[in-house]
């Protein structure tokens, strides 16, 4: 027998699956690009664009760039989790 708590969980899972599946069903053939790529295209189309500065180092490949981005996210998440854990532990 279902209790009151399992019905909202079941509905939540249906909504999550629908949010994942619906874009793939209705948007077939559509490229999922980010806003950064669109901004670069618009900026490079402008004729009077002059960069303010040049990068002093560029990663040797997209894998290194992805790794550095993931490392930055992991360090940030670690700092946030440590801070919340410290606050919670200091209350006890």
C-alpha atoms as a PDB file:
ATOM      1  CA  UNK A   1       0.000   0.000   0.000  1.00  0.00           C
ATOM      2  CA  UNK A   2       1.324   3.454  -0.885  1.00  0.00           C
ATOM      3  CA  UNK A   3       1.710   5.950   1.854  1.00  0.00           C
ATOM      4  CA  UNK A   4       1.604   9.714   1.440  1.00  0.00           C
ATOM      5  CA  UNK A   5       5.362  10.029   0.980  1.00  0.00           C
ATOM      6  CA  UNK A   6       5.825   7.629  -1.962  1.00  0.00           C
ATOM      7  CA  UNK A   7       3.344   9.348  -4.283  1.00  0.00           C
ATOM      8  CA  UNK A   8       5.243  12.673  -4.442  1.00  0.00           C
ATOM      9  CA  UNK A   9       8.534  10.778  -4.953  1.00  0.00           C
ATOM     10  CA  UNK A  10       7.018   8.787  -7.812  1.00  0.00           C
ATOM     11  CA  UNK A  11       5.654  11.955  -9.419  1.00  0.00           C
ATOM     12  CA  UNK A  12       9.010  13.655  -8.981  1.00  0.00           C
ATOM     13  CA  UNK A  13      10.812  10.831 -10.819  1.00  0.00           C
ATOM     14  CA  UNK A  14       8.307  10.969 -13.680  1.00  0.00           C
ATOM     15  CA  UNK A  15       8.903  14.714 -14.018  1.00  0.00           C
ATOM     16  CA  UNK A  16      12.696  14.267 -13.971  1.00  0.00           C
ATOM     17  CA  UNK A  17      12.585  11.582 -16.659  1.00  0.00           C
ATOM     18  CA  UNK A  18      10.200  13.706 -18.750  1.00  0.00           C
ATOM     19  CA  UNK A  19      12.539  16.708 -18.503  1.00  0.00           C
ATOM     20  CA  UNK A  20      15.368  14.545 -19.802  1.00  0.00           C
ATOM     21  CA  UNK A  21      13.487  12.735 -22.572  1.00  0.00           C
ATOM     22  CA  UNK A  22      11.220  15.483 -23.990  1.00  0.00           C
ATOM     23  CA  UNK A  23      14.032  17.693 -25.394  1.00  0.00           C
ATOM     24  CA  UNK A  24      15.560  14.734 -27.210  1.00  0.00           C
ATOM     25  CA  UNK A  25      12.213  13.717 -28.708  1.00  0.00           C
ATOM     26  CA  UNK A  26      11.034  17.143 -29.859  1.00  0.00           C
ATOM     27  CA  UNK A  27      14.383  18.772 -30.661  1.00  0.00           C
ATOM     28  CA  UNK A  28      15.943  16.149 -32.920  1.00  0.00           C
ATOM     29  CA  UNK A  29      18.691  17.531 -35.124  1.00  0.00           C
ATOM     30  CA  UNK A  30      19.155  20.595 -32.941  1.00  0.00           C
ATOM     31  CA  UNK A  31      22.671  21.410 -31.793  1.00  0.00           C
ATOM     32  CA  UNK A  32      22.929  22.106 -28.085  1.00  0.00           C
ATOM     33  CA  UNK A  33      25.460  24.936 -27.964  1.00  0.00           C
ATOM     34  CA  UNK A  34      26.268  27.241 -25.127  1.00  0.00           C
ATOM     35  CA  UNK A  35      25.983  30.984 -24.877  1.00  0.00           C
ATOM     36  CA  UNK A  36      29.774  31.330 -24.988  1.00  0.00           C
ATOM     37  CA  UNK A  37      29.955  29.949 -28.523  1.00  0.00           C
ATOM     38  CA  UNK A  38      27.171  32.252 -29.676  1.00  0.00           C
ATOM     39  CA  UNK A  39      28.909  35.257 -28.123  1.00  0.00           C
ATOM     40  CA  UNK A  40      32.204  34.417 -29.862  1.00  0.00           C
ATOM     41  CA  UNK A  41      30.405  34.170 -33.213  1.00  0.00           C
ATOM     42  CA  UNK A  42      28.730  37.552 -32.757  1.00  0.00           C
ATOM     43  CA  UNK A  43      31.947  39.228 -31.574  1.00  0.00           C
ATOM     44  CA  UNK A  44      34.026  37.881 -34.456  1.00  0.00           C
ATOM     45  CA  UNK A  45      31.425  39.060 -36.976  1.00  0.00           C
ATOM     46  CA  UNK A  46      31.883  42.630 -35.760  1.00  0.00           C
ATOM     47  CA  UNK A  47      34.415  44.384 -37.989  1.00  0.00           C
ATOM     48  CA  UNK A  48      35.755  46.927 -35.505  1.00  0.00           C
ATOM     49  CA  UNK A  49      36.502  44.402 -32.740  1.00  0.00           C
ATOM     50  CA  UNK A  50      39.897  44.743 -31.061  1.00  0.00           C
ATOM     51  CA  UNK A  51      40.857  42.448 -28.172  1.00  0.00           C
ATOM     52  CA  UNK A  52      41.928  44.221 -24.994  1.00  0.00           C
ATOM     53  CA  UNK A  53      44.711  41.760 -24.227  1.00  0.00           C
ATOM     54  CA  UNK A  54      46.186  38.453 -25.340  1.00  0.00           C
ATOM     55  CA  UNK A  55      46.226  35.357 -23.159  1.00  0.00           C
ATOM     56  CA  UNK A  56      49.675  34.636 -21.730  1.00  0.00           C
ATOM     57  CA  UNK A  57      49.055  30.852 -21.838  1.00  0.00           C
ATOM     58  CA  UNK A  58      46.651  28.687 -23.753  1.00  0.00           C
ATOM     59  CA  UNK A  59      46.052  25.038 -22.862  1.00  0.00           C
ATOM     60  CA  UNK A  60      47.593  22.508 -25.247  1.00  0.00           C
ATOM     61  CA  UNK A  61      44.246  20.852 -25.927  1.00  0.00           C
ATOM     62  CA  UNK A  62      40.564  20.797 -25.036  1.00  0.00           C
ATOM     63  CA  UNK A  63      41.157  17.944 -22.572  1.00  0.00           C
ATOM     64  CA  UNK A  64      43.464  20.098 -20.464  1.00  0.00           C
ATOM     65  CA  UNK A  65      40.960  22.953 -20.566  1.00  0.00           C
ATOM     66  CA  UNK A  66      38.162  20.625 -19.427  1.00  0.00           C
ATOM     67  CA  UNK A  67      40.393  19.227 -16.677  1.00  0.00           C
ATOM     68  CA  UNK A  68      41.218  22.695 -15.364  1.00  0.00           C
ATOM     69  CA  UNK A  69      37.536  23.643 -15.399  1.00  0.00           C
ATOM     70  CA  UNK A  70      36.609  20.451 -13.498  1.00  0.00           C
ATOM     71  CA  UNK A  71      39.450  21.030 -11.029  1.00  0.00           C
ATOM     72  CA  UNK A  72      38.231  24.578 -10.408  1.00  0.00           C
ATOM     73  CA  UNK A  73      34.690  23.293  -9.802  1.00  0.00           C
ATOM     74  CA  UNK A  74      35.937  20.577  -7.437  1.00  0.00           C
ATOM     75  CA  UNK A  75      38.047  23.006  -5.398  1.00  0.00           C
ATOM     76  CA  UNK A  76      35.121  25.435  -5.155  1.00  0.00           C
ATOM     77  CA  UNK A  77      32.736  22.667  -4.079  1.00  0.00           C
ATOM     78  CA  UNK A  78      35.275  21.475  -1.521  1.00  0.00           C
ATOM     79  CA  UNK A  79      35.589  24.950  -0.023  1.00  0.00           C
ATOM     80  CA  UNK A  80      31.827  25.394   0.145  1.00  0.00           C
ATOM     81  CA  UNK A  81      31.262  21.943   1.696  1.00  0.00           C
ATOM     82  CA  UNK A  82      34.061  22.469   4.220  1.00  0.00           C
ATOM     83  CA  UNK A  83      32.580  25.830   5.225  1.00  0.00           C
ATOM     84  CA  UNK A  84      29.088  24.407   5.721  1.00  0.00           C
ATOM     85  CA  UNK A  85      30.521  21.439   7.628  1.00  0.00           C
ATOM     86  CA  UNK A  86      32.558  23.745   9.834  1.00  0.00           C
ATOM     87  CA  UNK A  87      29.511  25.896  10.604  1.00  0.00           C
ATOM     88  CA  UNK A  88      27.393  22.864  11.414  1.00  0.00           C
ATOM     89  CA  UNK A  89      30.128  21.318  13.569  1.00  0.00           C
ATOM     90  CA  UNK A  90      30.727  24.526  15.494  1.00  0.00           C
ATOM     91  CA  UNK A  91      27.038  24.674  16.472  1.00  0.00           C
ATOM     92  CA  UNK A  92      27.311  21.272  18.162  1.00  0.00           C
END
